[in-house]
Structure formats: C-alpha cells, structure tokens
Amino acid sequence: MSGCLGGKVVAITGAGRGIGRELALHCAAEGAAVIVNDPGVAQAGDGGDAAPAETTANDIIAAGGKAAANFGNVADPAQAASIVEDAVQRFGRIDAVVNNAGILRDTIWHKMSYEDWKSVIEVNLTGVFNVSKAATPYFREQQSGSFIHFTSTSGLIGNIGQANYSAAKLGVVALSQSIALDMARVGVRSNCIAPFAWSRMTSSIPATTPAEQERIARLQSMSADRIAPLVSYLASDLSRDVTNQIFSVRKNEIMLFSKPRPIRSMAKLEGWTPQAIADELIPAFRPAFARADEVSAHVFPYDPI
C-alpha cells in the first residue's frame, strides 16, 4: 500500500464501526499504519466489546496494511494516552490524531439529567482533549503533526434534543482553534470536520413525521466512506499549510464553514438605554438575526450532491 500517507502513523478514535472504520480503512490504503481505537461501547457509552476494533485492524492487515487495535476509553486520561503510546511503541511515531469517538444521549432539554450531560461532554469534548494532549509532546518534538477533530452541525447550527452533544461539538471547534494557535509555531496543524453520513450515531434520529423521514432518506444516501479522503488529506503533508479551519463533507460536496464574526454594529454616543435598544438597535439588527428555530435541515434543504 502506498499513497499520500506512506510512512505516516495515524491514530483514529472510535474506529471500530461507522465513520471511524471507513477512515481507518482509507488511511491504511493511503499507506498509513493505523491505531484502531474503539472500546466497543453502545451508542450511549455503556458496555464494551473488543470485536469492532479487532475486526477493523484485522481487515487492514489482511489487505496488506499495518494496524493495531486499542480498546482505551478516551474519557479516561490514562486510557487515552495509551492510544498514542501504542502508536509510538508499535510503529515508532505518531503523525496524526483523528478524534472521531463519540456517544449520544439525546433528550429534550428540560428532561436532560446531569449524567446525560456529563457522559456526553466527557467523551465528545474531554476525550478530544485527552488524546490530543497525549500526542502533543511527540508533535512538538518532531515539529510536525496533524489534529483532525470531528465536530457536528448540531454544534455549528443547532439541533433539537441534543444540548449536551451540541455543546460538546461546538466546544471541539473552540479547542481546535486554540490548539491551532498555540501549536502553529512548531508546525502542528489542527482542523475540524463536520460529517454528514448515515451511521450508528445518526440512526437514532427520530423519523415519525414526513419531514423527519425525508431527512433520514437524505442521510441514508450519504455513506461514511465519502468523508475519508478529506481525513487522509488533512493527515498528510499535502495539507502542511492548512490549519484552524472547519470543513464539512456532505456526500460529494466539501464545504468550508465560517467562524462567528460581527455582522452588524450600531453606536450611540450618549450610551444605550433598554428602551433605545428596543426602539433603535433591534429593528436595525433584526434583518440579520439567525432563524430562531434553525437546524441543519433548514441550512441544507437540498438533496446531497
């Protein structure tokens, strides 16, 4: 196997199934040695099973590639560090970290428990911190490396019943930005990808209304393997000058997301009062207001390309 990742070592979390598995297979096909991390938990983070990580690693090896399974839980700092340590011990180095692992505990906001909040934040946000932190000393020493973090339009745009997941995924964007700024001086990159793909994670989306059923049909047409080429690119030297960006993949379409920036401004030299804000500021700002009930389906109402 040879390609843009020849000689590279890539660690991918949540790589036993779904999107992560496709990323691992593609990176291996491009020449990378891959640490396939997956504790094999259920969608809500319960249980554990070695089979998903072992199956993906064995499939890569059977195809002539290099891979090793790791079963660490990214929410635990020591287990997260074992992912990076396995890469260095087995393959001699670490060149890219793909933070893909995630769990869901969807529930409407007023019914969300502290445990629902805490568990999702620990895996989806703190897990990104843990694995990235473990790889940072190696990246600094070799003055190269790529962090690829999976965010979501649930965080970038919003979604119903996912306050925990949305908060975690938007937090990932802020974390990636900080890493990119802090690590630029040593040649280390950090970028985000918001994927559109049918997977175990998206299969939990309710489909009771015609609009929801239409949304599910769109998702089912978007296979996880379409996301993998962008990951391989960002992990390779081809992207050596690309950092601090937010990409999205929707079937054959790759998008670049903007970051929050001021879009309207109004000054009042004598200062503002609540009534002046109501009478002058809000009418001027209202045409630029974001839609109050906006979710991804409103931003992407067209069929995948």
C-alpha atoms as a PDB file:
ATOM      1  CA  MET A   1       0.000   0.000   0.000  1.00  0.00           C
ATOM      2  CA  SER A   2       1.269   3.449  -0.894  1.00  0.00           C
ATOM      3  CA  GLY A   3      -0.263   6.880  -1.146  1.00  0.00           C
ATOM      4  CA  CYS A   4      -0.266  10.277   0.479  1.00  0.00           C
ATOM      5  CA  LEU A   5       0.218   8.715   3.941  1.00  0.00           C
ATOM      6  CA  GLY A   6       3.162   6.479   3.163  1.00  0.00           C
ATOM      7  CA  GLY A   7       5.356   6.206   6.263  1.00  0.00           C
ATOM      8  CA  LYS A   8       2.835   8.005   8.494  1.00  0.00           C
ATOM      9  CA  VAL A   9       1.267   6.682  11.690  1.00  0.00           C
ATOM     10  CA  VAL A  10      -2.326   7.710  12.356  1.00  0.00           C
ATOM     11  CA  ALA A  11      -4.400   7.100  15.497  1.00  0.00           C
ATOM     12  CA  ILE A  12      -8.173   7.108  14.985  1.00  0.00           C
ATOM     13  CA  THR A  13     -10.609   7.004  17.877  1.00  0.00           C
ATOM     14  CA  GLY A  14     -13.975   5.302  17.531  1.00  0.00           C
ATOM     15  CA  ALA A  15     -12.593   3.427  14.527  1.00  0.00           C
ATOM     16  CA  GLY A  16     -14.258   0.071  15.008  1.00  0.00           C
ATOM     17  CA  ARG A  17     -17.516   0.931  13.293  1.00  0.00           C
ATOM     18  CA  GLY A  18     -19.264   3.524  11.161  1.00  0.00           C
ATOM     19  CA  ILE A  19     -17.376   6.618  10.073  1.00  0.00           C
ATOM     20  CA  GLY A  20     -14.272   5.723  12.084  1.00  0.00           C
ATOM     21  CA  ARG A  21     -13.916   2.341  10.397  1.00  0.00           C
ATOM     22  CA  GLU A  22     -14.072   3.946   6.949  1.00  0.00           C
ATOM     23  CA  LEU A  23     -11.451   6.485   7.985  1.00  0.00           C
ATOM     24  CA  ALA A  24      -9.140   3.717   9.216  1.00  0.00           C
ATOM     25  CA  LEU A  25      -9.521   1.672   6.019  1.00  0.00           C
ATOM     26  CA  HIS A  26      -8.857   4.701   3.819  1.00  0.00           C
ATOM     27  CA  CYS A  27      -5.839   5.939   5.781  1.00  0.00           C
ATOM     28  CA  ALA A  28      -4.374   2.433   5.642  1.00  0.00           C
ATOM     29  CA  ALA A  29      -4.995   2.249   1.907  1.00  0.00           C
ATOM     30  CA  GLU A  30      -3.106   5.546   1.571  1.00  0.00           C
ATOM     31  CA  GLY A  31      -0.120   3.944   3.300  1.00  0.00           C
ATOM     32  CA  ALA A  32      -0.543   4.818   6.979  1.00  0.00           C
ATOM     33  CA  ALA A  33      -0.012   2.478   9.893  1.00  0.00           C
ATOM     34  CA  VAL A  34      -3.227   2.857  11.890  1.00  0.00           C
ATOM     35  CA  ILE A  35      -4.050   2.549  15.563  1.00  0.00           C
ATOM     36  CA  VAL A  36      -7.696   1.486  15.554  1.00  0.00           C
ATOM     37  CA  ASN A  37      -9.119   2.683  18.848  1.00  0.00           C
ATOM     38  CA  ASP A  38     -12.565   1.570  19.960  1.00  0.00           C
ATOM     39  CA  PRO A  39     -13.745   0.273  23.344  1.00  0.00           C
ATOM     40  CA  GLY A  40     -16.813  -1.145  21.614  1.00  0.00           C
ATOM     41  CA  VAL A  41     -19.374   0.614  23.784  1.00  0.00           C
ATOM     42  CA  ALA A  42     -23.036   1.001  22.940  1.00  0.00           C
ATOM     43  CA  GLN A  43     -24.248   4.246  21.407  1.00  0.00           C
ATOM     44  CA  ALA A  44     -24.952   5.704  24.857  1.00  0.00           C
ATOM     45  CA  GLY A  45     -21.474   4.762  26.099  1.00  0.00           C
ATOM     46  CA  ASP A  46     -22.370   1.599  28.003  1.00  0.00           C
ATOM     47  CA  GLY A  47     -20.693  -1.813  27.919  1.00  0.00           C
ATOM     48  CA  GLY A  48     -17.630  -2.786  25.923  1.00  0.00           C
ATOM     49  CA  ASP A  49     -16.592  -5.147  23.136  1.00  0.00           C
ATOM     50  CA  ALA A  50     -13.147  -5.772  21.638  1.00  0.00           C
ATOM     51  CA  ALA A  51     -14.546  -7.138  18.378  1.00  0.00           C
ATOM     52  CA  PRO A  52     -15.127  -3.857  16.448  1.00  0.00           C
ATOM     53  CA  ALA A  53     -11.543  -2.586  16.845  1.00  0.00           C
ATOM     54  CA  GLU A  54     -10.042  -6.031  16.260  1.00  0.00           C
ATOM     55  CA  THR A  55     -12.152  -6.606  13.143  1.00  0.00           C
ATOM     56  CA  THR A  56     -11.148  -3.304  11.557  1.00  0.00           C
ATOM     57  CA  ALA A  57      -7.460  -3.820  12.400  1.00  0.00           C
ATOM     58  CA  ASN A  58      -7.542  -7.393  11.061  1.00  0.00           C
ATOM     59  CA  ASP A  59      -9.241  -6.255   7.839  1.00  0.00           C
ATOM     60  CA  ILE A  60      -6.464  -3.712   7.282  1.00  0.00           C
ATOM     61  CA  ILE A  61      -3.773  -6.311   7.915  1.00  0.00           C
ATOM     62  CA  ALA A  62      -5.497  -8.827   5.630  1.00  0.00           C
ATOM     63  CA  ALA A  63      -5.423  -6.209   2.857  1.00  0.00           C
ATOM     64  CA  GLY A  64      -1.669  -5.779   3.286  1.00  0.00           C
ATOM     65  CA  GLY A  65      -1.665  -2.779   5.585  1.00  0.00           C
ATOM     66  CA  LYS A  66      -0.414  -2.075   9.083  1.00  0.00           C
ATOM     67  CA  ALA A  67      -2.782  -1.714  12.023  1.00  0.00           C
ATOM     68  CA  ALA A  68      -3.196  -2.475  15.704  1.00  0.00           C
ATOM     69  CA  ALA A  69      -6.291  -2.416  17.881  1.00  0.00           C
ATOM     70  CA  ASN A  70      -6.589  -0.330  21.033  1.00  0.00           C
ATOM     71  CA  PHE A  71      -9.550  -0.509  23.422  1.00  0.00           C
ATOM     72  CA  GLY A  72      -8.986   2.596  25.540  1.00  0.00           C
ATOM     73  CA  ASN A  73     -11.795   4.878  26.648  1.00  0.00           C
ATOM     74  CA  VAL A  74     -10.922   8.420  25.536  1.00  0.00           C
ATOM     75  CA  ALA A  75     -12.747   9.887  28.533  1.00  0.00           C
ATOM     76  CA  ASP A  76     -10.065   8.434  30.820  1.00  0.00           C
ATOM     77  CA  PRO A  77      -6.735  10.313  30.557  1.00  0.00           C
ATOM     78  CA  ALA A  78      -4.571   7.223  31.101  1.00  0.00           C
ATOM     79  CA  GLN A  79      -6.507   5.115  28.607  1.00  0.00           C
ATOM     80  CA  ALA A  80      -6.486   7.972  26.097  1.00  0.00           C
ATOM     81  CA  ALA A  81      -2.709   8.237  26.465  1.00  0.00           C
ATOM     82  CA  SER A  82      -2.416   4.510  25.722  1.00  0.00           C
ATOM     83  CA  ILE A  83      -3.710   5.195  22.200  1.00  0.00           C
ATOM     84  CA  VAL A  84      -0.739   7.431  21.433  1.00  0.00           C
ATOM     85  CA  GLU A  85       1.702   5.212  23.324  1.00  0.00           C
ATOM     86  CA  ASP A  86       0.581   2.198  21.280  1.00  0.00           C
ATOM     87  CA  ALA A  87       1.293   4.135  18.083  1.00  0.00           C
ATOM     88  CA  VAL A  88       4.807   5.035  19.209  1.00  0.00           C
ATOM     89  CA  GLN A  89       5.651   1.603  20.627  1.00  0.00           C
ATOM     90  CA  ARG A  90       4.257  -0.418  17.737  1.00  0.00           C
ATOM     91  CA  PHE A  91       5.101   1.813  14.783  1.00  0.00           C
ATOM     92  CA  GLY A  92       7.785   4.185  16.088  1.00  0.00           C
ATOM     93  CA  ARG A  93       5.999   7.534  15.857  1.00  0.00           C
ATOM     94  CA  ILE A  94       2.701   9.399  15.700  1.00  0.00           C
ATOM     95  CA  ASP A  95       1.887  11.772  12.843  1.00  0.00           C
ATOM     96  CA  ALA A  96      -1.848  12.392  13.062  1.00  0.00           C
ATOM     97  CA  VAL A  97      -4.653  12.045  15.583  1.00  0.00           C
ATOM     98  CA  VAL A  98      -8.233  11.730  14.376  1.00  0.00           C
ATOM     99  CA  ASN A  99     -10.667  12.468  17.209  1.00  0.00           C
ATOM    100  CA  ASN A 100     -13.774  10.715  15.947  1.00  0.00           C
ATOM    101  CA  ALA A 101     -15.076   8.878  19.040  1.00  0.00           C
ATOM    102  CA  GLY A 102     -18.455   9.978  20.308  1.00  0.00           C
ATOM    103  CA  ILE A 103     -21.596   8.931  22.128  1.00  0.00           C
ATOM    104  CA  LEU A 104     -25.162  10.210  22.191  1.00  0.00           C
ATOM    105  CA  ARG A 105     -27.646  10.595  24.998  1.00  0.00           C
ATOM    106  CA  ASP A 106     -30.346  12.590  23.270  1.00  0.00           C
ATOM    107  CA  THR A 107     -33.195  14.038  25.264  1.00  0.00           C
ATOM    108  CA  ILE A 108     -35.146  17.276  25.247  1.00  0.00           C
ATOM    109  CA  TRP A 109     -33.509  19.978  27.368  1.00  0.00           C
ATOM    110  CA  HIS A 110     -35.953  20.064  30.301  1.00  0.00           C
ATOM    111  CA  LYS A 111     -35.614  16.298  30.771  1.00  0.00           C
ATOM    112  CA  MET A 112     -31.821  16.109  30.439  1.00  0.00           C
ATOM    113  CA  SER A 113     -30.123  14.692  33.529  1.00  0.00           C
ATOM    114  CA  TYR A 114     -26.730  15.664  34.864  1.00  0.00           C
ATOM    115  CA  GLU A 115     -25.472  12.181  33.959  1.00  0.00           C
ATOM    116  CA  ASP A 116     -26.684  12.646  30.346  1.00  0.00           C
ATOM    117  CA  TRP A 117     -24.764  15.920  30.211  1.00  0.00           C
ATOM    118  CA  LYS A 118     -21.614  14.711  31.945  1.00  0.00           C
ATOM    119  CA  SER A 119     -21.173  11.473  29.992  1.00  0.00           C
ATOM    120  CA  VAL A 120     -21.510  13.140  26.585  1.00  0.00           C
ATOM    121  CA  ILE A 121     -19.176  16.007  27.489  1.00  0.00           C
ATOM    122  CA  GLU A 122     -16.589  13.568  28.863  1.00  0.00           C
ATOM    123  CA  VAL A 123     -16.399  11.503  25.681  1.00  0.00           C
ATOM    124  CA  ASN A 124     -17.083  14.067  22.966  1.00  0.00           C
ATOM    125  CA  LEU A 125     -15.111  17.008  24.351  1.00  0.00           C
ATOM    126  CA  THR A 126     -12.861  15.909  27.210  1.00  0.00           C
ATOM    127  CA  GLY A 127     -11.905  12.840  25.177  1.00  0.00           C
ATOM    128  CA  VAL A 128     -10.630  15.113  22.414  1.00  0.00           C
ATOM    129  CA  PHE A 129      -8.571  16.996  24.993  1.00  0.00           C
ATOM    130  CA  ASN A 130      -7.161  13.785  26.480  1.00  0.00           C
ATOM    131  CA  VAL A 131      -5.992  12.185  23.234  1.00  0.00           C
ATOM    132  CA  SER A 132      -4.717  15.446  21.765  1.00  0.00           C
ATOM    133  CA  LYS A 133      -2.831  16.285  24.945  1.00  0.00           C
ATOM    134  CA  ALA A 134      -1.137  12.863  24.881  1.00  0.00           C
ATOM    135  CA  ALA A 135       0.068  13.378  21.303  1.00  0.00           C
ATOM    136  CA  THR A 136       1.265  16.954  21.800  1.00  0.00           C
ATOM    137  CA  PRO A 137       4.741  16.208  23.263  1.00  0.00           C
ATOM    138  CA  TYR A 138       5.577  13.996  20.267  1.00  0.00           C
ATOM    139  CA  PHE A 139       4.271  16.572  17.799  1.00  0.00           C
ATOM    140  CA  ARG A 140       6.287  19.312  19.483  1.00  0.00           C
ATOM    141  CA  GLU A 141       9.478  17.265  19.475  1.00  0.00           C
ATOM    142  CA  GLN A 142       9.238  16.353  15.802  1.00  0.00           C
ATOM    143  CA  GLN A 143       7.816  19.815  14.914  1.00  0.00           C
ATOM    144  CA  SER A 144       5.054  18.337  12.812  1.00  0.00           C
ATOM    145  CA  GLY A 145       1.696  16.688  13.276  1.00  0.00           C
ATOM    146  CA  SER A 146      -1.973  16.975  12.441  1.00  0.00           C
ATOM    147  CA  PHE A 147      -5.006  17.009  14.714  1.00  0.00           C
ATOM    148  CA  ILE A 148      -8.293  16.228  12.963  1.00  0.00           C
ATOM    149  CA  HIS A 149     -11.303  16.702  15.215  1.00  0.00           C
ATOM    150  CA  PHE A 150     -14.835  15.649  14.377  1.00  0.00           C
ATOM    151  CA  THR A 151     -17.413  18.297  15.205  1.00  0.00           C
ATOM    152  CA  SER A 152     -21.059  18.374  14.098  1.00  0.00           C
ATOM    153  CA  THR A 153     -23.597  20.708  12.576  1.00  0.00           C
ATOM    154  CA  SER A 154     -25.545  20.043  15.789  1.00  0.00           C
ATOM    155  CA  GLY A 155     -22.987  22.362  17.369  1.00  0.00           C
ATOM    156  CA  LEU A 156     -22.332  24.646  14.407  1.00  0.00           C
ATOM    157  CA  ILE A 157     -26.009  25.183  13.570  1.00  0.00           C
ATOM    158  CA  GLY A 158     -28.099  23.506  16.265  1.00  0.00           C
ATOM    159  CA  ASN A 159     -30.399  20.549  16.774  1.00  0.00           C
ATOM    160  CA  ILE A 160     -33.348  19.637  18.927  1.00  0.00           C
ATOM    161  CA  GLY A 161     -32.830  17.312  21.879  1.00  0.00           C
ATOM    162  CA  GLN A 162     -29.038  17.479  21.776  1.00  0.00           C
ATOM    163  CA  ALA A 163     -27.983  20.216  24.197  1.00  0.00           C
ATOM    164  CA  ASN A 164     -25.194  18.017  25.584  1.00  0.00           C
ATOM    165  CA  TYR A 165     -23.912  16.841  22.202  1.00  0.00           C
ATOM    166  CA  SER A 166     -24.243  20.288  20.607  1.00  0.00           C
ATOM    167  CA  ALA A 167     -22.312  21.948  23.434  1.00  0.00           C
ATOM    168  CA  ALA A 168     -19.565  19.340  23.245  1.00  0.00           C
ATOM    169  CA  LYS A 169     -19.220  19.601  19.485  1.00  0.00           C
ATOM    170  CA  LEU A 170     -19.052  23.383  19.427  1.00  0.00           C
ATOM    171  CA  GLY A 171     -16.538  23.128  22.256  1.00  0.00           C
ATOM    172  CA  VAL A 172     -14.426  20.927  19.985  1.00  0.00           C
ATOM    173  CA  VAL A 173     -14.260  23.783  17.478  1.00  0.00           C
ATOM    174  CA  ALA A 174     -13.023  26.207  20.137  1.00  0.00           C
ATOM    175  CA  LEU A 175     -10.497  23.648  21.384  1.00  0.00           C
ATOM    176  CA  SER A 176      -9.222  23.030  17.842  1.00  0.00           C
ATOM    177  CA  GLN A 177      -8.831  26.761  17.288  1.00  0.00           C
ATOM    178  CA  SER A 178      -6.805  27.160  20.474  1.00  0.00           C
ATOM    179  CA  ILE A 179      -4.603  24.188  19.605  1.00  0.00           C
ATOM    180  CA  ALA A 180      -4.006  25.596  16.118  1.00  0.00           C
ATOM    181  CA  LEU A 181      -2.984  28.979  17.501  1.00  0.00           C
ATOM    182  CA  ASP A 182      -0.790  27.585  20.280  1.00  0.00           C
ATOM    183  CA  MET A 183       0.924  24.964  18.112  1.00  0.00           C
ATOM    184  CA  ALA A 184       1.473  26.922  14.886  1.00  0.00           C
ATOM    185  CA  ARG A 185       4.967  27.937  15.982  1.00  0.00           C
ATOM    186  CA  VAL A 186       6.068  24.291  15.949  1.00  0.00           C
ATOM    187  CA  GLY A 187       4.424  23.362  12.653  1.00  0.00           C
ATOM    188  CA  VAL A 188       1.443  21.470  14.109  1.00  0.00           C
ATOM    189  CA  ARG A 189      -1.978  21.738  12.478  1.00  0.00           C
ATOM    190  CA  SER A 190      -5.480  21.437  13.935  1.00  0.00           C
ATOM    191  CA  ASN A 191      -8.675  21.300  11.901  1.00  0.00           C
ATOM    192  CA  CYS A 192     -12.309  20.222  12.291  1.00  0.00           C
ATOM    193  CA  ILE A 193     -14.667  18.201  10.122  1.00  0.00           C
ATOM    194  CA  ALA A 194     -18.459  18.191  10.457  1.00  0.00           C
ATOM    195  CA  PRO A 195     -19.601  14.999   8.706  1.00  0.00           C
ATOM    196  CA  PHE A 196     -22.894  14.174   7.066  1.00  0.00           C
ATOM    197  CA  ALA A 197     -23.193  10.381   6.921  1.00  0.00           C
ATOM    198  CA  TRP A 198     -25.525   7.550   7.804  1.00  0.00           C
ATOM    199  CA  SER A 199     -24.049   5.693  10.746  1.00  0.00           C
ATOM    200  CA  ARG A 200     -24.937   4.173  14.104  1.00  0.00           C
ATOM    201  CA  MET A 201     -24.925   7.679  15.590  1.00  0.00           C
ATOM    202  CA  THR A 202     -27.424   9.125  13.103  1.00  0.00           C
ATOM    203  CA  SER A 203     -29.642   6.009  13.079  1.00  0.00           C
ATOM    204  CA  SER A 204     -31.125   7.196  16.395  1.00  0.00           C
ATOM    205  CA  ILE A 205     -32.663  10.295  14.779  1.00  0.00           C
ATOM    206  CA  PRO A 206     -36.483  10.029  15.052  1.00  0.00           C
ATOM    207  CA  ALA A 207     -38.432   9.577  11.827  1.00  0.00           C
ATOM    208  CA  THR A 208     -42.082   9.947  12.747  1.00  0.00           C
ATOM    209  CA  THR A 209     -43.111  12.904  10.573  1.00  0.00           C
ATOM    210  CA  PRO A 210     -42.830  13.219   6.770  1.00  0.00           C
ATOM    211  CA  ALA A 211     -40.147  15.913   7.192  1.00  0.00           C
ATOM    212  CA  GLU A 212     -38.120  13.670   9.517  1.00  0.00           C
ATOM    213  CA  GLN A 213     -38.492  10.716   7.168  1.00  0.00           C
ATOM    214  CA  GLU A 214     -37.247  12.866   4.276  1.00  0.00           C
ATOM    215  CA  ARG A 215     -34.241  13.897   6.356  1.00  0.00           C
ATOM    216  CA  ILE A 216     -33.429  10.262   7.161  1.00  0.00           C
ATOM    217  CA  ALA A 217     -33.640   9.335   3.468  1.00  0.00           C
ATOM    218  CA  ARG A 218     -31.092  12.042   2.691  1.00  0.00           C
ATOM    219  CA  LEU A 219     -28.751  10.817   5.410  1.00  0.00           C
ATOM    220  CA  GLN A 220     -29.009   7.233   4.209  1.00  0.00           C
ATOM    221  CA  SER A 221     -27.755   8.312   0.788  1.00  0.00           C
ATOM    222  CA  MET A 222     -24.561   9.719   2.333  1.00  0.00           C
ATOM    223  CA  SER A 223     -22.112   6.903   3.011  1.00  0.00           C
ATOM    224  CA  ALA A 224     -19.318   7.255   5.561  1.00  0.00           C
ATOM    225  CA  ASP A 225     -16.570   6.479   3.058  1.00  0.00           C
ATOM    226  CA  ARG A 226     -17.123   9.880   1.370  1.00  0.00           C
ATOM    227  CA  ILE A 227     -15.594  11.602   4.405  1.00  0.00           C
ATOM    228  CA  ALA A 228     -12.371   9.571   4.407  1.00  0.00           C
ATOM    229  CA  PRO A 229     -10.446  11.317   1.574  1.00  0.00           C
ATOM    230  CA  LEU A 230     -10.542  14.655   3.407  1.00  0.00           C
ATOM    231  CA  VAL A 231      -9.207  12.983   6.557  1.00  0.00           C
ATOM    232  CA  SER A 232      -6.349  11.376   4.631  1.00  0.00           C
ATOM    233  CA  TYR A 233      -5.568  14.735   3.037  1.00  0.00           C
ATOM    234  CA  LEU A 234      -5.505  16.568   6.373  1.00  0.00           C
ATOM    235  CA  ALA A 235      -3.325  13.853   7.918  1.00  0.00           C
ATOM    236  CA  SER A 236      -0.815  14.059   5.072  1.00  0.00           C
ATOM    237  CA  ASP A 237       1.899  16.546   4.153  1.00  0.00           C
ATOM    238  CA  LEU A 238      -0.353  17.773   1.351  1.00  0.00           C
ATOM    239  CA  SER A 239      -2.101  19.908   3.982  1.00  0.00           C
ATOM    240  CA  ARG A 240       1.056  21.277   5.605  1.00  0.00           C
ATOM    241  CA  ASP A 241      -0.229  24.880   5.389  1.00  0.00           C
ATOM    242  CA  VAL A 242      -3.891  24.194   6.259  1.00  0.00           C
ATOM    243  CA  THR A 243      -4.842  24.779   9.894  1.00  0.00           C
ATOM    244  CA  ASN A 244      -7.545  26.345  12.096  1.00  0.00           C
ATOM    245  CA  GLN A 245     -10.338  25.532   9.630  1.00  0.00           C
ATOM    246  CA  ILE A 246     -13.796  23.943   9.845  1.00  0.00           C
ATOM    247  CA  PHE A 247     -14.711  21.663   6.961  1.00  0.00           C
ATOM    248  CA  SER A 248     -17.855  19.688   6.268  1.00  0.00           C
ATOM    249  CA  VAL A 249     -18.479  16.750   3.956  1.00  0.00           C
ATOM    250  CA  ARG A 250     -21.932  16.042   2.535  1.00  0.00           C
ATOM    251  CA  LYS A 251     -21.717  13.137   0.059  1.00  0.00           C
ATOM    252  CA  ASN A 252     -19.646  14.559  -2.837  1.00  0.00           C
ATOM    253  CA  GLU A 253     -19.682  18.133  -1.531  1.00  0.00           C
ATOM    254  CA  ILE A 254     -16.949  19.565   0.696  1.00  0.00           C
ATOM    255  CA  MET A 255     -17.724  22.838   2.442  1.00  0.00           C
ATOM    256  CA  LEU A 256     -15.758  25.372   4.448  1.00  0.00           C
ATOM    257  CA  PHE A 257     -17.609  26.844   7.443  1.00  0.00           C
ATOM    258  CA  SER A 258     -17.140  30.416   8.609  1.00  0.00           C
ATOM    259  CA  LYS A 259     -16.432  31.318  12.215  1.00  0.00           C
ATOM    260  CA  PRO A 260     -18.551  33.767  14.221  1.00  0.00           C
ATOM    261  CA  ARG A 261     -17.677  37.308  13.228  1.00  0.00           C
ATOM    262  CA  PRO A 262     -19.536  40.614  13.758  1.00  0.00           C
ATOM    263  CA  ILE A 263     -22.159  41.177  11.054  1.00  0.00           C
ATOM    264  CA  ARG A 264     -23.923  44.340  12.290  1.00  0.00           C
ATOM    265  CA  SER A 265     -22.834  47.231  14.521  1.00  0.00           C
ATOM    266  CA  MET A 266     -24.510  50.356  15.843  1.00  0.00           C
ATOM    267  CA  ALA A 267     -23.061  53.021  18.132  1.00  0.00           C
ATOM    268  CA  LYS A 268     -24.909  55.575  20.248  1.00  0.00           C
ATOM    269  CA  LEU A 269     -22.598  58.310  21.530  1.00  0.00           C
ATOM    270  CA  GLU A 270     -24.764  59.167  24.532  1.00  0.00           C
ATOM    271  CA  GLY A 271     -24.960  55.495  25.532  1.00  0.00           C
ATOM    272  CA  TRP A 272     -27.740  52.944  25.367  1.00  0.00           C
ATOM    273  CA  THR A 273     -30.899  52.523  27.408  1.00  0.00           C
ATOM    274  CA  PRO A 274     -33.105  49.400  27.342  1.00  0.00           C
ATOM    275  CA  GLN A 275     -35.787  51.390  25.530  1.00  0.00           C
ATOM    276  CA  ALA A 276     -33.331  52.689  22.932  1.00  0.00           C
ATOM    277  CA  ILE A 277     -32.143  49.144  22.325  1.00  0.00           C
ATOM    278  CA  ALA A 278     -35.759  48.093  21.755  1.00  0.00           C
ATOM    279  CA  ASP A 279     -36.624  51.083  19.568  1.00  0.00           C
ATOM    280  CA  GLU A 280     -33.445  51.549  17.525  1.00  0.00           C
ATOM    281  CA  LEU A 281     -30.953  48.698  17.812  1.00  0.00           C
ATOM    282  CA  ILE A 282     -33.178  45.653  17.465  1.00  0.00           C
ATOM    283  CA  PRO A 283     -35.108  46.908  14.389  1.00  0.00           C
ATOM    284  CA  ALA A 284     -31.758  47.577  12.695  1.00  0.00           C
ATOM    285  CA  PHE A 285     -30.339  44.200  13.689  1.00  0.00           C
ATOM    286  CA  ARG A 286     -33.458  42.088  13.113  1.00  0.00           C
ATOM    287  CA  PRO A 287     -32.945  41.524   9.353  1.00  0.00           C
ATOM    288  CA  ALA A 288     -29.622  39.859  10.205  1.00  0.00           C
ATOM    289  CA  PHE A 289     -30.986  37.715  13.062  1.00  0.00           C
ATOM    290  CA  ALA A 290     -30.411  33.980  12.792  1.00  0.00           C
ATOM    291  CA  ARG A 291     -33.591  31.970  12.453  1.00  0.00           C
ATOM    292  CA  ALA A 292     -34.711  31.138  15.995  1.00  0.00           C
ATOM    293  CA  ASP A 293     -35.719  27.535  15.180  1.00  0.00           C
ATOM    294  CA  GLU A 294     -32.910  26.821  12.706  1.00  0.00           C
ATOM    295  CA  VAL A 295     -31.497  23.294  12.426  1.00  0.00           C
ATOM    296  CA  SER A 296     -29.282  21.678   9.789  1.00  0.00           C
ATOM    297  CA  ALA A 297     -32.251  20.778   7.601  1.00  0.00           C
ATOM    298  CA  HIS A 298     -33.020  24.482   7.138  1.00  0.00           C
ATOM    299  CA  VAL A 299     -29.456  25.273   6.077  1.00  0.00           C
ATOM    300  CA  PHE A 300     -29.179  22.238   3.795  1.00  0.00           C
ATOM    301  CA  PRO A 301     -32.686  21.753   2.305  1.00  0.00           C
ATOM    302  CA  TYR A 302     -31.375  20.312  -0.957  1.00  0.00           C
ATOM    303  CA  ASP A 303     -30.573  16.701  -1.778  1.00  0.00           C
ATOM    304  CA  PRO A 304     -26.957  15.580  -1.312  1.00  0.00           C
ATOM    305  CA  ILE A 305     -24.865  16.056  -4.404  1.00  0.00           C
END
